[in-house]
Amino acid sequence: MRTAVVVALLGLGAFAVATGLVLQLHTYPFLAKLQHDIDTVTVSEGEGVTAVVYPPGGVPEIRHNLSLTATTHVEGDLAAPEVKEDGDVTVWKRATIVKEGRDDLVLSAEVRKICLDRRTGEAVAPCHGEFYETEQGKRITAEGRQLLQPGLNFVFPFDTEQRDHRWYDTVLKRPVTIHFDGEQRLQGLDVYRFVHTVPQTALDRFEVPGSLVGRPESSVDVTQYYGVTRTLLVEPRTGAVLSVREDIKQELRTATQEEGAGTPVFNGELRLTNASVTANVDEVKKNLPRLFVITTLPVLLWISGAVLVAIGLVLLFLHRRGFLAGALALVIGAGLAGAITYGVTGASSPDGSLDLENVVSSSNVDYGLR
């Protein structure tokens, strides 16, 4: 009877420890990946915004106290050559259009495509067909192993750390450091807050109608300046960005004007709507139980398994019998754990339901690019 108890303790303990190890070392990297078939729409809004608008057939003009809506559609490009079942790279496309509410005029728009590491969320290269486009017919594409949009673009890494990260700024066309700024609660979730401030930075130099900047000349040579304070709320286990707030300031300055003395062409805040934040939170809450199985559960299994094995070994050496049976129990328990966990993991592939062999490549429609 005592031998049976020892065998049971050692077998169950070995099973628990081995299951935890396989879940952590094999299942977690296999399942904790960005999805290929993402298809989401989010909306940001801003009130009381100053911005330049482009009336049809007219000259650009600056309007104040605008209500703006920015709609962003992110979808996976399943036809991209980098997209493979259980692969480490995925390809996402993003289209964003910003409109004002009174006349439904387009203020800005962009379409871009990028390859991402499915675990870290970082942009990777080479990336066939990577591009960004903010003006119709002026698409910028990557060449060779060029990393066109480096850094984080859509999400943070799984198990996000409380440290600085590199976030790609679509206006500057380069990554900027975003700092960990603390923790808070968001609709029942513990989230990390990341913040950065881009100081007023010179962008392009060009000519504009004098009327746009309050000058009598028919055209005036100006430089566009851009600055932003960006706040992101991130769910750390999944790396999902749940909330975005951007306080943006852009102005046109002549060669003799200092900061703040130019003509504001965008001044206001865009914030993800409550509906979009709630949708993001609900999606994360749906996925967290799956992550529990491959993050927290392994730790519980290691602890409980180690306790069972320790008790079994103590009893084994106290009674000095059943050594062979105990050793077999350890081997069989660990072997069964490995076989079962590997099998379940293989059957749970996040890409198993995708038909990547018969995908027709989609083409982005005109999202308001001028």
Protein backbone atom coordinates (compact mmCIF):
# COMPACT_ATOMS: atom_id res chain seq x y z
CA MET A 1 0.00 0.00 0.00
CA ARG A 2 2.78 2.40 0.91
CA THR A 3 4.57 1.59 -2.35
CA ALA A 4 1.40 2.37 -4.32
CA VAL A 5 1.11 5.74 -2.59
CA VAL A 6 4.74 6.57 -3.36
CA VAL A 7 4.32 5.53 -7.00
CA ALA A 8 1.18 7.64 -7.32
CA LEU A 9 2.84 10.68 -5.78
CA LEU A 10 5.94 10.40 -7.95
CA GLY A 11 3.96 9.72 -11.13
CA LEU A 12 1.54 12.58 -10.61
CA GLY A 13 4.35 14.91 -9.58
CA ALA A 14 6.44 14.07 -12.63
CA PHE A 15 3.36 14.48 -14.83
CA ALA A 16 2.67 17.94 -13.39
CA VAL A 17 6.27 19.18 -13.62
CA ALA A 18 6.74 17.87 -17.16
CA THR A 19 3.42 19.34 -18.30
CA GLY A 20 4.44 22.73 -16.91
CA LEU A 21 7.79 22.56 -18.68
CA VAL A 22 6.27 21.62 -22.04
CA LEU A 23 3.62 24.33 -21.72
CA GLN A 24 6.26 26.96 -21.00
CA LEU A 25 9.02 25.85 -23.36
CA HIS A 26 7.00 24.53 -26.29
CA THR A 27 3.33 25.48 -26.10
CA TYR A 28 3.82 29.13 -25.14
CA PRO A 29 6.10 30.08 -28.07
CA PHE A 30 3.93 27.97 -30.39
CA LEU A 31 0.59 29.57 -29.45
CA ALA A 32 1.45 33.07 -28.18
CA LYS A 33 1.57 34.70 -31.61
CA LEU A 34 -0.09 37.56 -33.44
CA GLN A 35 -2.91 36.30 -35.61
CA HIS A 36 -2.60 36.25 -39.38
CA ASP A 37 -6.29 36.97 -40.03
CA ILE A 38 -6.76 40.14 -38.02
CA ASP A 39 -9.63 42.36 -39.21
CA THR A 40 -10.47 45.27 -36.91
CA VAL A 41 -11.87 48.78 -37.22
CA THR A 42 -11.27 51.44 -34.56
CA VAL A 43 -12.40 55.05 -34.36
CA SER A 44 -10.79 58.09 -32.75
CA GLU A 45 -12.53 61.42 -32.28
CA GLY A 46 -11.53 64.98 -31.53
CA GLU A 47 -13.52 68.11 -30.66
CA GLY A 48 -12.59 71.78 -30.93
CA VAL A 49 -9.73 71.04 -33.32
CA THR A 50 -7.97 73.57 -35.52
CA ALA A 51 -6.95 72.07 -38.87
CA VAL A 52 -6.35 72.83 -42.52
CA VAL A 53 -9.07 71.50 -44.84
CA TYR A 54 -9.23 71.08 -48.59
CA PRO A 55 -12.60 72.17 -50.05
CA PRO A 56 -13.31 70.58 -53.47
CA GLY A 57 -12.08 72.85 -56.22
CA GLY A 58 -10.94 75.50 -53.80
CA VAL A 59 -7.76 76.49 -52.01
CA PRO A 60 -6.84 74.99 -48.63
CA GLU A 61 -8.11 76.93 -45.65
CA ILE A 62 -7.71 76.78 -41.88
CA ARG A 63 -10.84 76.12 -39.84
CA HIS A 64 -11.35 76.16 -36.11
CA ASN A 65 -13.53 74.27 -33.64
CA LEU A 66 -13.80 71.21 -35.89
CA SER A 67 -15.16 67.80 -34.96
CA LEU A 68 -12.85 65.13 -36.38
CA THR A 69 -13.20 61.39 -36.85
CA ALA A 70 -10.23 59.13 -37.61
CA THR A 71 -11.17 55.63 -38.77
CA THR A 72 -8.50 52.92 -38.87
CA HIS A 73 -8.92 49.52 -40.51
CA VAL A 74 -6.28 46.85 -39.84
CA GLU A 75 -6.39 43.57 -41.76
CA GLY A 76 -4.06 40.66 -42.33
CA ASP A 77 -2.61 40.08 -45.78
CA LEU A 78 -2.99 36.30 -46.00
CA ALA A 79 -1.66 36.24 -49.58
CA ALA A 80 1.73 37.71 -48.61
CA PRO A 81 4.61 35.26 -49.19
CA GLU A 82 5.82 35.73 -45.61
CA VAL A 83 2.55 34.37 -44.19
CA LYS A 84 2.92 30.66 -43.41
CA GLU A 85 1.07 28.30 -41.10
CA ASP A 86 2.78 28.31 -37.70
CA GLY A 87 5.33 30.78 -39.10
CA ASP A 88 7.05 33.49 -37.08
CA VAL A 89 6.12 36.44 -39.34
CA THR A 90 2.75 37.94 -40.20
CA VAL A 91 1.78 40.77 -42.56
CA TRP A 92 -0.74 43.46 -41.66
CA LYS A 93 -2.16 46.34 -43.66
CA ARG A 94 -3.52 49.51 -42.09
CA ALA A 95 -5.65 52.23 -43.64
CA THR A 96 -6.50 55.42 -41.74
CA ILE A 97 -8.64 58.32 -42.87
CA VAL A 98 -9.30 61.53 -40.92
CA LYS A 99 -12.44 63.52 -41.73
CA GLU A 100 -14.13 66.62 -40.38
CA GLY A 101 -17.78 66.38 -39.45
CA ARG A 102 -19.40 69.48 -40.97
CA ASP A 103 -18.72 68.94 -44.68
CA ASP A 104 -17.30 65.40 -44.50
CA LEU A 105 -14.00 66.61 -45.95
CA VAL A 106 -10.87 64.47 -45.81
CA LEU A 107 -8.03 66.05 -43.83
CA SER A 108 -5.51 63.23 -44.19
CA ALA A 109 -5.25 59.56 -45.09
CA GLU A 110 -2.66 56.84 -45.23
CA VAL A 111 -2.35 53.23 -46.28
CA ARG A 112 0.56 51.03 -45.24
CA LYS A 113 1.69 47.43 -45.15
CA ILE A 114 4.29 45.86 -42.87
CA CYS A 115 5.76 42.51 -41.78
CA LEU A 116 5.74 41.82 -38.03
CA ASP A 117 7.46 39.37 -35.74
CA ARG A 118 4.50 37.44 -34.32
CA ARG A 119 5.93 37.33 -30.79
CA THR A 120 7.57 40.72 -30.31
CA GLY A 121 5.38 42.85 -32.58
CA GLU A 122 8.54 44.42 -34.07
CA ALA A 123 8.73 45.21 -37.77
CA VAL A 124 10.99 42.78 -39.65
CA ALA A 125 12.70 42.66 -43.03
CA PRO A 126 12.95 41.61 -45.78
CA CYS A 127 9.25 42.23 -46.37
CA HIS A 128 7.91 41.72 -49.89
CA GLY A 129 5.64 44.59 -50.84
CA GLU A 130 6.11 46.67 -47.68
CA PHE A 131 4.98 50.25 -48.30
CA TYR A 132 3.35 53.38 -46.98
CA GLU A 133 1.33 55.91 -48.96
CA THR A 134 -0.02 59.27 -47.83
CA GLU A 135 -0.58 60.79 -51.27
CA GLN A 136 -2.25 58.98 -54.12
CA GLY A 137 0.31 57.72 -56.61
CA LYS A 138 3.26 58.46 -54.29
CA ARG A 139 3.74 55.07 -52.65
CA ILE A 140 7.03 54.51 -50.84
CA THR A 141 8.13 50.87 -51.00
CA ALA A 142 10.89 48.94 -49.27
CA GLU A 143 13.86 47.68 -51.25
CA GLY A 144 15.77 44.50 -50.47
CA ARG A 145 16.33 44.08 -46.75
CA GLN A 146 15.42 47.70 -46.03
CA LEU A 147 13.39 48.11 -42.82
CA LEU A 148 10.99 50.81 -43.95
CA GLN A 149 8.91 51.15 -40.76
CA PRO A 150 11.13 49.94 -37.88
CA GLY A 151 10.02 49.47 -34.28
CA LEU A 152 6.58 48.71 -32.87
CA ASN A 153 3.69 49.74 -35.11
CA PHE A 154 0.50 48.09 -33.88
CA VAL A 155 1.09 46.14 -30.68
CA PHE A 156 3.63 45.64 -27.90
CA PRO A 157 5.37 42.31 -27.23
CA PHE A 158 3.66 39.51 -25.35
CA ASP A 159 4.56 39.91 -21.66
CA THR A 160 5.35 43.59 -22.16
CA GLU A 161 8.08 44.83 -19.85
CA GLN A 162 8.01 48.03 -17.80
CA ARG A 163 10.73 49.75 -19.82
CA ASP A 164 11.23 52.02 -22.81
CA HIS A 165 10.17 50.75 -26.23
CA ARG A 166 10.52 52.05 -29.80
CA TRP A 167 7.20 53.16 -31.32
CA TYR A 168 7.09 54.05 -35.02
CA ASP A 169 5.77 57.57 -35.69
CA THR A 170 3.98 57.68 -39.05
CA VAL A 171 4.55 61.44 -39.44
CA LEU A 172 8.26 61.49 -38.63
CA LYS A 173 8.73 58.19 -40.53
CA ARG A 174 10.99 56.84 -37.79
CA PRO A 175 10.66 55.17 -34.38
CA VAL A 176 10.70 57.28 -31.23
CA THR A 177 11.24 56.15 -27.66
CA ILE A 178 8.06 55.68 -25.65
CA HIS A 179 8.45 55.50 -21.88
CA PHE A 180 6.72 53.35 -19.27
CA ASP A 181 4.67 55.78 -17.18
CA GLY A 182 2.90 53.60 -14.64
CA GLU A 183 0.02 51.18 -14.14
CA GLN A 184 -3.72 51.75 -13.99
CA ARG A 185 -7.08 49.98 -14.31
CA LEU A 186 -9.10 50.08 -17.51
CA GLN A 187 -12.54 48.46 -17.55
CA GLY A 188 -11.46 45.75 -15.12
CA LEU A 189 -8.01 45.11 -16.61
CA ASP A 190 -4.61 46.04 -15.21
CA VAL A 191 -2.80 47.95 -17.94
CA TYR A 192 0.52 49.69 -18.48
CA ARG A 193 0.62 53.34 -19.51
CA PHE A 194 3.26 54.39 -22.04
CA VAL A 195 3.85 58.06 -22.91
CA HIS A 196 6.17 60.04 -25.12
CA THR A 197 6.40 63.65 -26.24
CA VAL A 198 7.87 64.53 -29.60
CA PRO A 199 9.05 68.16 -29.48
CA GLN A 200 8.29 70.46 -32.38
CA THR A 201 10.29 68.95 -35.25
CA ALA A 202 10.86 70.33 -38.75
CA LEU A 203 9.39 68.19 -41.52
CA ASP A 204 9.12 69.46 -45.10
CA ARG A 205 9.78 72.83 -46.68
CA PHE A 206 7.39 73.94 -49.44
CA GLU A 207 5.34 76.82 -50.82
CA VAL A 208 1.75 77.59 -49.82
CA PRO A 209 -0.73 80.29 -50.86
CA GLY A 210 -0.04 83.46 -48.89
CA SER A 211 -3.70 83.58 -47.84
CA LEU A 212 -3.22 80.34 -45.87
CA VAL A 213 -0.65 81.93 -43.58
CA GLY A 214 -2.07 85.45 -43.50
CA ARG A 215 0.40 86.98 -45.96
CA PRO A 216 -0.35 89.18 -49.02
CA GLU A 217 2.04 87.31 -51.34
CA SER A 218 0.62 84.81 -53.82
CA SER A 219 2.90 82.13 -52.39
CA VAL A 220 5.08 81.87 -49.29
CA ASP A 221 7.96 79.54 -48.52
CA VAL A 222 7.28 77.72 -45.21
CA THR A 223 8.50 74.82 -43.12
CA GLN A 224 6.04 72.42 -41.53
CA TYR A 225 6.68 71.57 -37.86
CA TYR A 226 5.15 68.67 -35.97
CA GLY A 227 4.93 67.69 -32.31
CA VAL A 228 2.82 65.20 -30.37
CA THR A 229 2.23 63.83 -26.90
CA ARG A 230 1.06 60.25 -27.29
CA THR A 231 -0.40 58.08 -24.51
CA LEU A 232 -1.00 54.36 -25.00
CA LEU A 233 -2.67 51.96 -22.56
CA VAL A 234 -1.33 48.45 -23.08
CA GLU A 235 -2.51 45.10 -21.69
CA PRO A 236 0.88 43.59 -20.76
CA ARG A 237 0.18 39.87 -21.13
CA THR A 238 -1.03 40.16 -24.73
CA GLY A 239 0.72 43.42 -25.70
CA ALA A 240 -2.57 44.73 -27.08
CA VAL A 241 -2.93 48.52 -27.31
CA LEU A 242 -6.34 49.20 -25.78
CA SER A 243 -6.48 52.99 -25.73
CA VAL A 244 -4.73 55.75 -27.68
CA ARG A 245 -4.68 59.49 -27.00
CA GLU A 246 -2.69 61.90 -29.18
CA ASP A 247 -2.33 65.64 -28.56
CA ILE A 248 -1.02 66.87 -31.92
CA LYS A 249 0.34 70.28 -32.89
CA GLN A 250 1.48 71.20 -36.39
CA GLU A 251 2.30 74.66 -37.70
CA LEU A 252 3.74 76.37 -40.74
CA ARG A 253 6.57 78.80 -40.11
CA THR A 254 8.44 81.18 -42.34
CA ALA A 255 12.20 81.45 -41.97
CA THR A 256 11.86 84.31 -39.47
CA GLN A 257 9.20 82.80 -37.21
CA GLU A 258 9.86 81.10 -33.87
CA GLU A 259 7.93 78.23 -32.31
CA GLY A 260 4.34 79.23 -31.64
CA ALA A 261 4.48 82.26 -33.94
CA GLY A 262 3.61 80.32 -37.08
CA THR A 263 0.25 79.32 -38.53
CA PRO A 264 -1.32 76.29 -36.83
CA VAL A 265 -2.48 73.73 -39.38
CA PHE A 266 -3.43 71.14 -36.76
CA ASN A 267 -3.99 71.71 -33.08
CA GLY A 268 -6.06 69.29 -31.07
CA GLU A 269 -6.46 65.92 -29.48
CA LEU A 270 -7.60 62.64 -31.02
CA ARG A 271 -8.74 59.95 -28.60
CA LEU A 272 -9.95 56.41 -29.22
CA THR A 273 -13.71 56.30 -28.63
CA ASN A 274 -15.20 54.49 -25.65
CA ALA A 275 -16.81 52.00 -28.03
CA SER A 276 -13.46 51.15 -29.63
CA VAL A 277 -11.74 50.87 -26.24
CA THR A 278 -14.49 48.55 -24.99
CA ALA A 279 -14.20 46.38 -28.10
CA ASN A 280 -10.43 46.13 -27.57
CA VAL A 281 -10.90 45.24 -23.88
CA ASP A 282 -13.54 42.60 -24.69
CA GLU A 283 -11.23 40.97 -27.23
CA VAL A 284 -8.39 40.78 -24.70
CA LYS A 285 -10.68 39.38 -22.00
CA LYS A 286 -11.72 36.65 -24.45
CA ASN A 287 -8.09 35.66 -25.04
CA LEU A 288 -6.77 35.86 -21.47
CA PRO A 289 -8.10 32.42 -20.38
CA ARG A 290 -6.10 30.86 -23.22
CA LEU A 291 -2.98 32.68 -22.09
CA PHE A 292 -3.56 31.50 -18.51
CA VAL A 293 -3.05 27.92 -19.70
CA ILE A 294 0.40 28.71 -21.12
CA THR A 295 1.61 31.36 -18.65
CA THR A 296 0.23 31.00 -15.11
CA LEU A 297 -0.78 27.33 -15.19
CA PRO A 298 2.79 26.07 -15.82
CA VAL A 299 3.98 27.80 -12.62
CA LEU A 300 1.18 26.19 -10.61
CA LEU A 301 2.02 22.82 -12.12
CA TRP A 302 5.73 23.18 -11.29
CA ILE A 303 4.98 24.04 -7.66
CA SER A 304 2.38 21.32 -7.10
CA GLY A 305 4.40 18.75 -9.01
CA ALA A 306 7.58 19.55 -7.10
CA VAL A 307 5.71 19.18 -3.79
CA LEU A 308 4.31 15.77 -4.81
CA VAL A 309 7.69 14.53 -6.01
CA ALA A 310 9.37 15.75 -2.81
CA ILE A 311 6.81 13.96 -0.61
CA GLY A 312 7.13 10.81 -2.72
CA LEU A 313 10.92 10.82 -2.47
CA VAL A 314 10.83 11.35 1.29
CA LEU A 315 8.47 8.38 1.72
CA LEU A 316 10.56 6.32 -0.67
CA PHE A 317 13.78 6.81 1.29
CA LEU A 318 12.07 6.44 4.67
CA HIS A 319 10.68 3.02 3.82
CA ARG A 320 13.60 1.96 1.59
CA ARG A 321 11.46 -0.03 -0.80
CA GLY A 322 9.86 0.49 -4.20
CA PHE A 323 12.83 2.28 -5.76
CA LEU A 324 12.34 0.64 -9.16
CA ALA A 325 8.60 1.30 -9.17
CA GLY A 326 9.24 4.90 -8.14
CA ALA A 327 11.75 5.43 -10.93
CA LEU A 328 9.31 3.96 -13.47
CA ALA A 329 6.56 6.23 -12.15
CA LEU A 330 8.76 9.27 -12.71
CA VAL A 331 9.63 8.22 -16.26
CA ILE A 332 6.09 7.22 -17.20
CA GLY A 333 4.56 10.37 -15.67
CA ALA A 334 6.97 12.66 -17.50
CA GLY A 335 6.60 10.73 -20.75
CA LEU A 336 2.81 10.82 -20.68
CA ALA A 337 2.85 14.54 -19.91
CA GLY A 338 5.12 15.28 -22.84
CA ALA A 339 3.15 13.17 -25.30
CA ILE A 340 -0.26 14.49 -24.29
CA THR A 341 0.80 18.14 -24.08
CA TYR A 342 2.61 18.02 -27.42
CA GLY A 343 -0.42 16.44 -29.04
CA VAL A 344 -2.87 18.98 -27.62
CA THR A 345 -0.56 21.83 -28.61
CA GLY A 346 -0.33 20.62 -32.21
CA ALA A 347 -4.10 20.34 -32.45
CA SER A 348 -4.53 23.88 -31.09
CA SER A 349 -2.55 25.70 -33.77
CA PRO A 350 -3.84 29.29 -34.15
CA ASP A 351 -3.41 28.94 -37.91
CA GLY A 352 -5.07 25.55 -38.28
CA SER A 353 -8.40 26.97 -39.50
CA LEU A 354 -6.82 29.20 -42.16
CA ASP A 355 -6.66 28.19 -45.81
CA LEU A 356 -3.43 29.89 -46.80
CA GLU A 357 -3.13 27.95 -50.06
CA ASN A 358 -6.17 29.49 -51.76
CA VAL A 359 -6.05 33.16 -50.84
CA VAL A 360 -6.83 35.91 -53.30
CA SER A 361 -4.77 39.01 -52.55
CA SER A 362 -6.93 41.97 -51.64
CA SER A 363 -6.15 45.46 -52.91
CA ASN A 364 -6.68 48.56 -50.84
CA VAL A 365 -9.42 50.85 -52.07
CA ASP A 366 -9.06 54.61 -52.19
CA TYR A 367 -9.14 55.59 -48.54
CA GLY A 368 -9.25 59.28 -49.32
CA LEU A 369 -5.69 59.68 -50.57
CA ARG A 370 -5.44 62.88 -52.53
